[in-house]
């Protein structure tokens, strides 16, 4: 114990930097846990979609129509609680919530878990990250709604 105290007094800068890094890592993990839990990148999302997962796009309808992931379902974030009954059959499936940047989908993921959904993830970085990976988006035909 004496050697530890001696080290701390002789190297306060190193000890301070180590403590700051530990606190930053702890804060990051806590915020990730609060933000809705698991997030997946575009490559992992594609793998999950190929295995039967469902992409839930939580953006507004006009944004969804302008470009979305193939076979994604549009349920705006504000309407998730009201759409819980229609989404009931998805409770046991993997559901990937996505939005523009990943922030709104984190709240939707928390709401879905509270509604009894067991396997919910968010698309890390949202559709901005999807586009950055040069992955395809499809546009909705407004005439065929």
C-alpha atoms as a PDB file:
ATOM      1  CA  UNK A   1       0.000   0.000   0.000  1.00  0.00           C
ATOM      2  CA  UNK A   2       2.880   2.312   0.804  1.00  0.00           C
ATOM      3  CA  UNK A   3       4.335   1.785  -2.678  1.00  0.00           C
ATOM      4  CA  UNK A   4       1.004   2.676  -4.290  1.00  0.00           C
ATOM      5  CA  UNK A   5       0.806   5.938  -2.342  1.00  0.00           C
ATOM      6  CA  UNK A   6       4.390   6.717  -3.263  1.00  0.00           C
ATOM      7  CA  UNK A   7       3.656   6.032  -6.942  1.00  0.00           C
ATOM      8  CA  UNK A   8       0.596   8.298  -6.843  1.00  0.00           C
ATOM      9  CA  UNK A   9       2.536  11.161  -5.286  1.00  0.00           C
ATOM     10  CA  UNK A  10       5.440  10.823  -7.733  1.00  0.00           C
ATOM     11  CA  UNK A  11       3.271  10.452 -10.873  1.00  0.00           C
ATOM     12  CA  UNK A  12       0.114  12.527 -10.400  1.00  0.00           C
ATOM     13  CA  UNK A  13      -0.262  13.217 -14.127  1.00  0.00           C
ATOM     14  CA  UNK A  14      -0.248   9.523 -15.065  1.00  0.00           C
ATOM     15  CA  UNK A  15      -2.663   8.679 -12.270  1.00  0.00           C
ATOM     16  CA  UNK A  16      -4.969  11.535 -13.313  1.00  0.00           C
ATOM     17  CA  UNK A  17      -5.006  10.476 -16.962  1.00  0.00           C
ATOM     18  CA  UNK A  18      -5.673   6.847 -15.987  1.00  0.00           C
ATOM     19  CA  UNK A  19      -8.552   7.894 -13.749  1.00  0.00           C
ATOM     20  CA  UNK A  20     -10.009  10.127 -16.499  1.00  0.00           C
ATOM     21  CA  UNK A  21      -9.879   7.285 -19.026  1.00  0.00           C
ATOM     22  CA  UNK A  22     -11.553   4.905 -16.573  1.00  0.00           C
ATOM     23  CA  UNK A  23     -14.332   7.431 -15.872  1.00  0.00           C
ATOM     24  CA  UNK A  24     -14.848   8.073 -19.594  1.00  0.00           C
ATOM     25  CA  UNK A  25     -15.155   4.330 -20.278  1.00  0.00           C
ATOM     26  CA  UNK A  26     -17.629   3.956 -17.419  1.00  0.00           C
ATOM     27  CA  UNK A  27     -19.710   6.916 -18.648  1.00  0.00           C
ATOM     28  CA  UNK A  28     -19.752   5.497 -22.184  1.00  0.00           C
ATOM     29  CA  UNK A  29     -20.940   2.085 -21.008  1.00  0.00           C
ATOM     30  CA  UNK A  30     -23.633   3.600 -18.806  1.00  0.00           C
ATOM     31  CA  UNK A  31     -24.933   5.829 -21.610  1.00  0.00           C
ATOM     32  CA  UNK A  32     -24.954   2.880 -24.008  1.00  0.00           C
ATOM     33  CA  UNK A  33     -26.941   0.804 -21.525  1.00  0.00           C
ATOM     34  CA  UNK A  34     -29.442   3.649 -21.023  1.00  0.00           C
ATOM     35  CA  UNK A  35     -29.765   4.425 -24.729  1.00  0.00           C
ATOM     36  CA  UNK A  36     -31.587   1.263 -25.647  1.00  0.00           C
ATOM     37  CA  UNK A  37     -29.004  -1.437 -25.311  1.00  0.00           C
ATOM     38  CA  UNK A  38     -27.685  -3.328 -28.276  1.00  0.00           C
ATOM     39  CA  UNK A  39     -26.804  -1.530 -31.467  1.00  0.00           C
ATOM     40  CA  UNK A  40     -25.702  -3.152 -34.701  1.00  0.00           C
ATOM     41  CA  UNK A  41     -23.733  -1.798 -37.617  1.00  0.00           C
ATOM     42  CA  UNK A  42     -24.928  -2.020 -41.208  1.00  0.00           C
ATOM     43  CA  UNK A  43     -23.137  -5.317 -41.946  1.00  0.00           C
ATOM     44  CA  UNK A  44     -24.604  -6.990 -38.852  1.00  0.00           C
ATOM     45  CA  UNK A  45     -28.042  -5.536 -39.683  1.00  0.00           C
ATOM     46  CA  UNK A  46     -27.892  -7.090 -43.163  1.00  0.00           C
ATOM     47  CA  UNK A  47     -26.965 -10.467 -41.649  1.00  0.00           C
ATOM     48  CA  UNK A  48     -29.883 -10.233 -39.204  1.00  0.00           C
ATOM     49  CA  UNK A  49     -32.313  -9.141 -41.934  1.00  0.00           C
ATOM     50  CA  UNK A  50     -31.264 -12.119 -44.052  1.00  0.00           C
ATOM     51  CA  UNK A  51     -32.073 -14.340 -41.056  1.00  0.00           C
ATOM     52  CA  UNK A  52     -35.596 -12.963 -40.688  1.00  0.00           C
ATOM     53  CA  UNK A  53     -35.192  -9.803 -38.604  1.00  0.00           C
ATOM     54  CA  UNK A  54     -37.510  -6.854 -39.211  1.00  0.00           C
ATOM     55  CA  UNK A  55     -36.282  -3.306 -39.857  1.00  0.00           C
ATOM     56  CA  UNK A  56     -38.546  -0.731 -38.193  1.00  0.00           C
ATOM     57  CA  UNK A  57     -37.972   2.754 -39.653  1.00  0.00           C
ATOM     58  CA  UNK A  58     -39.138   5.292 -37.065  1.00  0.00           C
ATOM     59  CA  UNK A  59     -38.794   8.424 -39.209  1.00  0.00           C
ATOM     60  CA  UNK A  60     -41.710  10.482 -40.499  1.00  0.00           C
ATOM     61  CA  UNK A  61     -43.569   9.102 -43.535  1.00  0.00           C
ATOM     62  CA  UNK A  62     -42.153  11.691 -45.969  1.00  0.00           C
ATOM     63  CA  UNK A  63     -38.586  10.863 -44.908  1.00  0.00           C
ATOM     64  CA  UNK A  64     -39.353   7.154 -45.213  1.00  0.00           C
ATOM     65  CA  UNK A  65     -40.774   7.674 -48.719  1.00  0.00           C
ATOM     66  CA  UNK A  66     -37.625   9.581 -49.755  1.00  0.00           C
ATOM     67  CA  UNK A  67     -35.465   6.518 -49.058  1.00  0.00           C
ATOM     68  CA  UNK A  68     -35.507   3.506 -46.752  1.00  0.00           C
ATOM     69  CA  UNK A  69     -34.014   0.047 -46.327  1.00  0.00           C
ATOM     70  CA  UNK A  70     -35.662  -2.579 -48.495  1.00  0.00           C
ATOM     71  CA  UNK A  71     -38.640  -4.237 -46.747  1.00  0.00           C
ATOM     72  CA  UNK A  72     -38.462  -1.818 -43.790  1.00  0.00           C
ATOM     73  CA  UNK A  73     -41.725  -1.031 -42.019  1.00  0.00           C
ATOM     74  CA  UNK A  74     -42.535   2.583 -41.231  1.00  0.00           C
ATOM     75  CA  UNK A  75     -43.844   3.391 -37.767  1.00  0.00           C
ATOM     76  CA  UNK A  76     -42.995   6.990 -36.793  1.00  0.00           C
ATOM     77  CA  UNK A  77     -41.433   7.257 -33.335  1.00  0.00           C
ATOM     78  CA  UNK A  78     -44.382   9.241 -31.966  1.00  0.00           C
ATOM     79  CA  UNK A  79     -46.783   6.450 -32.991  1.00  0.00           C
ATOM     80  CA  UNK A  80     -44.945   3.438 -31.563  1.00  0.00           C
ATOM     81  CA  UNK A  81     -47.075   3.170 -28.426  1.00  0.00           C
ATOM     82  CA  UNK A  82     -50.272   3.322 -30.489  1.00  0.00           C
ATOM     83  CA  UNK A  83     -48.965   0.765 -32.983  1.00  0.00           C
ATOM     84  CA  UNK A  84     -48.000  -1.750 -30.292  1.00  0.00           C
ATOM     85  CA  UNK A  85     -51.017  -3.933 -31.031  1.00  0.00           C
ATOM     86  CA  UNK A  86     -50.284  -4.096 -34.767  1.00  0.00           C
ATOM     87  CA  UNK A  87     -46.629  -4.883 -34.017  1.00  0.00           C
ATOM     88  CA  UNK A  88     -47.556  -7.600 -31.487  1.00  0.00           C
ATOM     89  CA  UNK A  89     -46.720 -10.474 -33.833  1.00  0.00           C
ATOM     90  CA  UNK A  90     -43.114  -9.196 -34.036  1.00  0.00           C
ATOM     91  CA  UNK A  91     -42.462  -9.582 -30.294  1.00  0.00           C
ATOM     92  CA  UNK A  92     -40.397 -12.736 -30.641  1.00  0.00           C
ATOM     93  CA  UNK A  93     -38.524 -11.625 -33.779  1.00  0.00           C
ATOM     94  CA  UNK A  94     -35.380  -9.555 -33.910  1.00  0.00           C
ATOM     95  CA  UNK A  95     -36.463  -5.952 -34.493  1.00  0.00           C
ATOM     96  CA  UNK A  96     -33.931  -3.383 -35.684  1.00  0.00           C
ATOM     97  CA  UNK A  97     -35.076   0.194 -35.123  1.00  0.00           C
ATOM     98  CA  UNK A  98     -33.554   2.830 -37.372  1.00  0.00           C
ATOM     99  CA  UNK A  99     -33.803   6.591 -37.840  1.00  0.00           C
ATOM    100  CA  UNK A 100     -31.594   9.237 -39.452  1.00  0.00           C
ATOM    101  CA  UNK A 101     -28.720   9.194 -36.974  1.00  0.00           C
ATOM    102  CA  UNK A 102     -29.509   6.559 -34.343  1.00  0.00           C
ATOM    103  CA  UNK A 103     -30.790   8.877 -31.610  1.00  0.00           C
ATOM    104  CA  UNK A 104     -34.570   8.577 -32.049  1.00  0.00           C
ATOM    105  CA  UNK A 105     -34.356   4.837 -32.572  1.00  0.00           C
ATOM    106  CA  UNK A 106     -32.728   4.399 -29.140  1.00  0.00           C
ATOM    107  CA  UNK A 107     -35.853   5.793 -27.471  1.00  0.00           C
ATOM    108  CA  UNK A 108     -38.056   3.578 -29.613  1.00  0.00           C
ATOM    109  CA  UNK A 109     -35.962   0.544 -28.658  1.00  0.00           C
ATOM    110  CA  UNK A 110     -36.515   1.327 -24.966  1.00  0.00           C
ATOM    111  CA  UNK A 111     -40.267   1.735 -25.591  1.00  0.00           C
ATOM    112  CA  UNK A 112     -40.445  -1.576 -27.476  1.00  0.00           C
ATOM    113  CA  UNK A 113     -38.659  -3.397 -24.656  1.00  0.00           C
ATOM    114  CA  UNK A 114     -41.140  -1.912 -22.196  1.00  0.00           C
ATOM    115  CA  UNK A 115     -43.945  -3.255 -24.409  1.00  0.00           C
ATOM    116  CA  UNK A 116     -42.564  -6.796 -24.151  1.00  0.00           C
ATOM    117  CA  UNK A 117     -40.345  -7.052 -27.233  1.00  0.00           C
ATOM    118  CA  UNK A 118     -37.501  -9.385 -26.374  1.00  0.00           C
ATOM    119  CA  UNK A 119     -34.959  -8.844 -29.161  1.00  0.00           C
ATOM    120  CA  UNK A 120     -34.596  -5.167 -30.075  1.00  0.00           C
ATOM    121  CA  UNK A 121     -31.517  -3.491 -31.519  1.00  0.00           C
ATOM    122  CA  UNK A 122     -30.823  -0.124 -33.098  1.00  0.00           C
ATOM    123  CA  UNK A 123     -28.963   0.606 -36.310  1.00  0.00           C
ATOM    124  CA  UNK A 124     -25.742   2.237 -35.107  1.00  0.00           C
ATOM    125  CA  UNK A 125     -25.410   5.656 -36.730  1.00  0.00           C
ATOM    126  CA  UNK A 126     -28.825   5.298 -38.352  1.00  0.00           C
ATOM    127  CA  UNK A 127     -29.376   5.659 -42.062  1.00  0.00           C
ATOM    128  CA  UNK A 128     -26.509   8.152 -42.275  1.00  0.00           C
ATOM    129  CA  UNK A 129     -24.166   5.280 -41.440  1.00  0.00           C
ATOM    130  CA  UNK A 130     -26.059   3.009 -43.861  1.00  0.00           C
ATOM    131  CA  UNK A 131     -25.537   5.554 -46.663  1.00  0.00           C
ATOM    132  CA  UNK A 132     -21.883   6.034 -45.696  1.00  0.00           C
ATOM    133  CA  UNK A 133     -21.394   2.305 -46.335  1.00  0.00           C
ATOM    134  CA  UNK A 134     -22.920   2.812 -49.823  1.00  0.00           C
ATOM    135  CA  UNK A 135     -25.770   0.426 -49.069  1.00  0.00           C
ATOM    136  CA  UNK A 136     -28.969   0.696 -51.110  1.00  0.00           C
ATOM    137  CA  UNK A 137     -32.125   2.551 -50.186  1.00  0.00           C
ATOM    138  CA  UNK A 138     -35.429   2.337 -51.998  1.00  0.00           C
ATOM    139  CA  UNK A 139     -37.978   5.084 -52.487  1.00  0.00           C
ATOM    140  CA  UNK A 140     -41.704   4.629 -51.937  1.00  0.00           C
ATOM    141  CA  UNK A 141     -44.077   5.389 -54.736  1.00  0.00           C
ATOM    142  CA  UNK A 142     -46.534   7.951 -53.312  1.00  0.00           C
ATOM    143  CA  UNK A 143     -49.228   6.728 -55.748  1.00  0.00           C
ATOM    144  CA  UNK A 144     -49.208   3.182 -54.337  1.00  0.00           C
ATOM    145  CA  UNK A 145     -49.938   3.933 -50.675  1.00  0.00           C
END
